[in-house]
C-alpha atoms as a PDB file:
ATOM      1  CA  MET A   1       7.393  -2.233  11.290  1.00  0.00           C
ATOM      2  CA  PRO A   2       6.646   1.133  12.809  1.00  0.00           C
ATOM      3  CA  SER A   3       6.734   4.103  10.697  1.00  0.00           C
ATOM      4  CA  SER A   4       8.292   6.444  13.194  1.00  0.00           C
ATOM      5  CA  LYS A   5      10.238   6.142  16.405  1.00  0.00           C
ATOM      6  CA  ASN A   6       7.302   7.043  18.537  1.00  0.00           C
ATOM      7  CA  TYR A   7       4.643   5.222  16.820  1.00  0.00           C
ATOM      8  CA  LYS A   8       2.153   3.477  18.981  1.00  0.00           C
ATOM      9  CA  ARG A   9      -0.179   0.882  17.627  1.00  0.00           C
ATOM     10  CA  ASP A  10      -4.001   1.527  18.464  1.00  0.00           C
ATOM     11  CA  TYR A  11      -5.046  -2.099  19.300  1.00  0.00           C
ATOM     12  CA  LYS A  12      -8.560  -0.941  20.190  1.00  0.00           C
ATOM     13  CA  GLN A  13      -8.856   0.405  16.492  1.00  0.00           C
ATOM     14  CA  GLU A  14      -7.307  -2.635  15.260  1.00  0.00           C
ATOM     15  CA  GLY A  15      -9.981  -4.828  17.013  1.00  0.00           C
ATOM     16  CA  LYS A  16     -12.740  -2.974  15.686  1.00  0.00           C
ATOM     17  CA  TYR A  17     -11.529  -3.302  12.170  1.00  0.00           C
ATOM     18  CA  GLN A  18     -10.825  -6.981  12.561  1.00  0.00           C
ATOM     19  CA  ALA A  19     -14.409  -7.494  13.940  1.00  0.00           C
ATOM     20  CA  THR A  20     -16.050  -6.324  10.836  1.00  0.00           C
ATOM     21  CA  GLU A  21     -18.100  -9.018   8.820  1.00  0.00           C
ATOM     22  CA  GLU A  22     -16.115  -8.580   5.817  1.00  0.00           C
ATOM     23  CA  GLN A  23     -12.710  -9.126   7.793  1.00  0.00           C
ATOM     24  CA  LYS A  24     -14.326 -12.146   9.533  1.00  0.00           C
ATOM     25  CA  LYS A  25     -15.285 -13.618   6.168  1.00  0.00           C
ATOM     26  CA  LYS A  26     -11.899 -13.030   4.549  1.00  0.00           C
ATOM     27  CA  ARG A  27      -9.933 -14.578   7.626  1.00  0.00           C
ATOM     28  CA  ALA A  28     -12.402 -17.523   7.444  1.00  0.00           C
ATOM     29  CA  SER A  29     -11.608 -18.149   3.978  1.00  0.00           C
ATOM     30  CA  ARG A  30      -7.939 -17.854   4.310  1.00  0.00           C
ATOM     31  CA  ASN A  31      -8.216 -20.360   7.139  1.00  0.00           C
ATOM     32  CA  ALA A  32     -10.230 -22.630   4.947  1.00  0.00           C
ATOM     33  CA  ALA A  33      -7.729 -22.574   2.252  1.00  0.00           C
ATOM     34  CA  ARG A  34      -4.748 -23.475   4.614  1.00  0.00           C
ATOM     35  CA  ARG A  35      -6.828 -26.370   6.004  1.00  0.00           C
ATOM     36  CA  GLU A  36      -7.421 -27.634   2.618  1.00  0.00           C
ATOM     37  CA  ALA A  37      -3.854 -27.528   1.765  1.00  0.00           C
ATOM     38  CA  ILE A  38      -2.955 -29.216   4.965  1.00  0.00           C
ATOM     39  CA  LYS A  39      -5.453 -32.264   3.986  1.00  0.00           C
ATOM     40  CA  ASP A  40      -3.626 -32.380   0.441  1.00  0.00           C
ATOM     41  CA  GLY A  41      -0.308 -32.671   2.090  1.00  0.00           C
ATOM     42  CA  LYS A  42       1.070 -29.360   0.426  1.00  0.00           C
ATOM     43  CA  VAL A  43       1.734 -27.693   3.885  1.00  0.00           C
ATOM     44  CA  ARG A  44       2.209 -28.745   7.521  1.00  0.00           C
ATOM     45  CA  LYS A  45       1.937 -27.055  10.795  1.00  0.00           C
ATOM     46  CA  GLY A  46       5.061 -24.988  11.681  1.00  0.00           C
ATOM     47  CA  ASP A  47       6.469 -25.514   8.205  1.00  0.00           C
ATOM     48  CA  GLY A  48       6.877 -21.568   7.739  1.00  0.00           C
ATOM     49  CA  LYS A  49       4.856 -21.680   4.619  1.00  0.00           C
ATOM     50  CA  ASP A  50       1.798 -19.468   3.675  1.00  0.00           C
ATOM     51  CA  ILE A  51      -1.078 -20.097   1.206  1.00  0.00           C
ATOM     52  CA  ASP A  52      -0.824 -17.223  -1.452  1.00  0.00           C
ATOM     53  CA  HIS A  53      -3.787 -16.168  -3.345  1.00  0.00           C
ATOM     54  CA  LYS A  54      -2.391 -15.198  -6.718  1.00  0.00           C
ATOM     55  CA  ASN A  55      -5.056 -12.752  -7.612  1.00  0.00           C
ATOM     56  CA  GLY A  56      -4.864 -11.091  -4.062  1.00  0.00           C
ATOM     57  CA  ASN A  57      -8.575 -12.003  -3.297  1.00  0.00           C
ATOM     58  CA  ALA A  58      -8.803 -13.653  -0.018  1.00  0.00           C
ATOM     59  CA  ARG A  59     -12.300 -15.020  -0.875  1.00  0.00           C
ATOM     60  CA  ASP A  60     -11.347 -16.716  -4.031  1.00  0.00           C
ATOM     61  CA  ASN A  61     -10.136 -20.307  -2.961  1.00  0.00           C
ATOM     62  CA  SER A  62     -10.262 -21.732  -6.477  1.00  0.00           C
ATOM     63  CA  LYS A  63      -7.332 -24.375  -7.055  1.00  0.00           C
ATOM     64  CA  GLY A  64      -5.742 -22.339  -9.719  1.00  0.00           C
ATOM     65  CA  ASN A  65      -5.618 -19.297  -7.483  1.00  0.00           C
ATOM     66  CA  LEU A  66      -3.721 -20.963  -4.452  1.00  0.00           C
ATOM     67  CA  ARG A  67       0.042 -21.682  -4.402  1.00  0.00           C
ATOM     68  CA  VAL A  68       2.350 -22.390  -1.553  1.00  0.00           C
ATOM     69  CA  GLN A  69       4.763 -19.783  -0.705  1.00  0.00           C
ATOM     70  CA  SER A  70       7.260 -19.047   2.017  1.00  0.00           C
ATOM     71  CA  ALA A  71       5.803 -16.806   4.774  1.00  0.00           C
ATOM     72  CA  SER A  72       8.709 -14.034   4.200  1.00  0.00           C
ATOM     73  CA  ALA A  73       7.941 -14.007   0.515  1.00  0.00           C
ATOM     74  CA  ASN A  74       4.090 -13.938   0.741  1.00  0.00           C
ATOM     75  CA  ARG A  75       4.261 -11.143   3.424  1.00  0.00           C
ATOM     76  CA  SER A  76       6.558  -8.984   1.662  1.00  0.00           C
ATOM     77  CA  PHE A  77       6.245  -6.173  -1.096  1.00  0.00           C
ATOM     78  CA  PRO A  78       7.577  -6.753  -4.501  1.00  0.00           C
ATOM     79  CA  ARG A  79      11.211  -5.067  -4.933  1.00  0.00           C
ATOM     80  CA  ASN A  80      12.895  -3.652  -7.740  1.00  0.00           C
ATOM     81  CA  LYS A  81      16.718  -4.470  -8.507  1.00  0.00           C
ATOM     82  CA  LYS A  82      17.805  -1.917  -5.878  1.00  0.00           C
ATOM     83  CA  ALA A  83      15.546  -3.502  -3.047  1.00  0.00           C
ATOM     84  CA  GLY A  84      13.059  -0.780  -3.126  1.00  0.00           C
ATOM     85  CA  LYS A  85       9.393  -1.303  -3.619  1.00  0.00           C
ATOM     86  CA  LYS A  86       7.999  -1.302  -6.939  1.00  0.00           C
END
């Protein structure tokens, strides 16, 4: 969601960030967690589910740290009772 009406994304800058070694390793780890969940039958392609890392560390793929969540819940921010951000 753009922060202002005239906001323009800088795709070149985003590409540089996503190409860093740290981001590549995090992405590979998230993909590995997803593949493992598919093998275990917890998720399927196109089911609208995400694999959530409970502690927020994308590199920690221990079984106790992973859970299946809807994509909307996993990609949102925690909200208070009035639907504002916590």
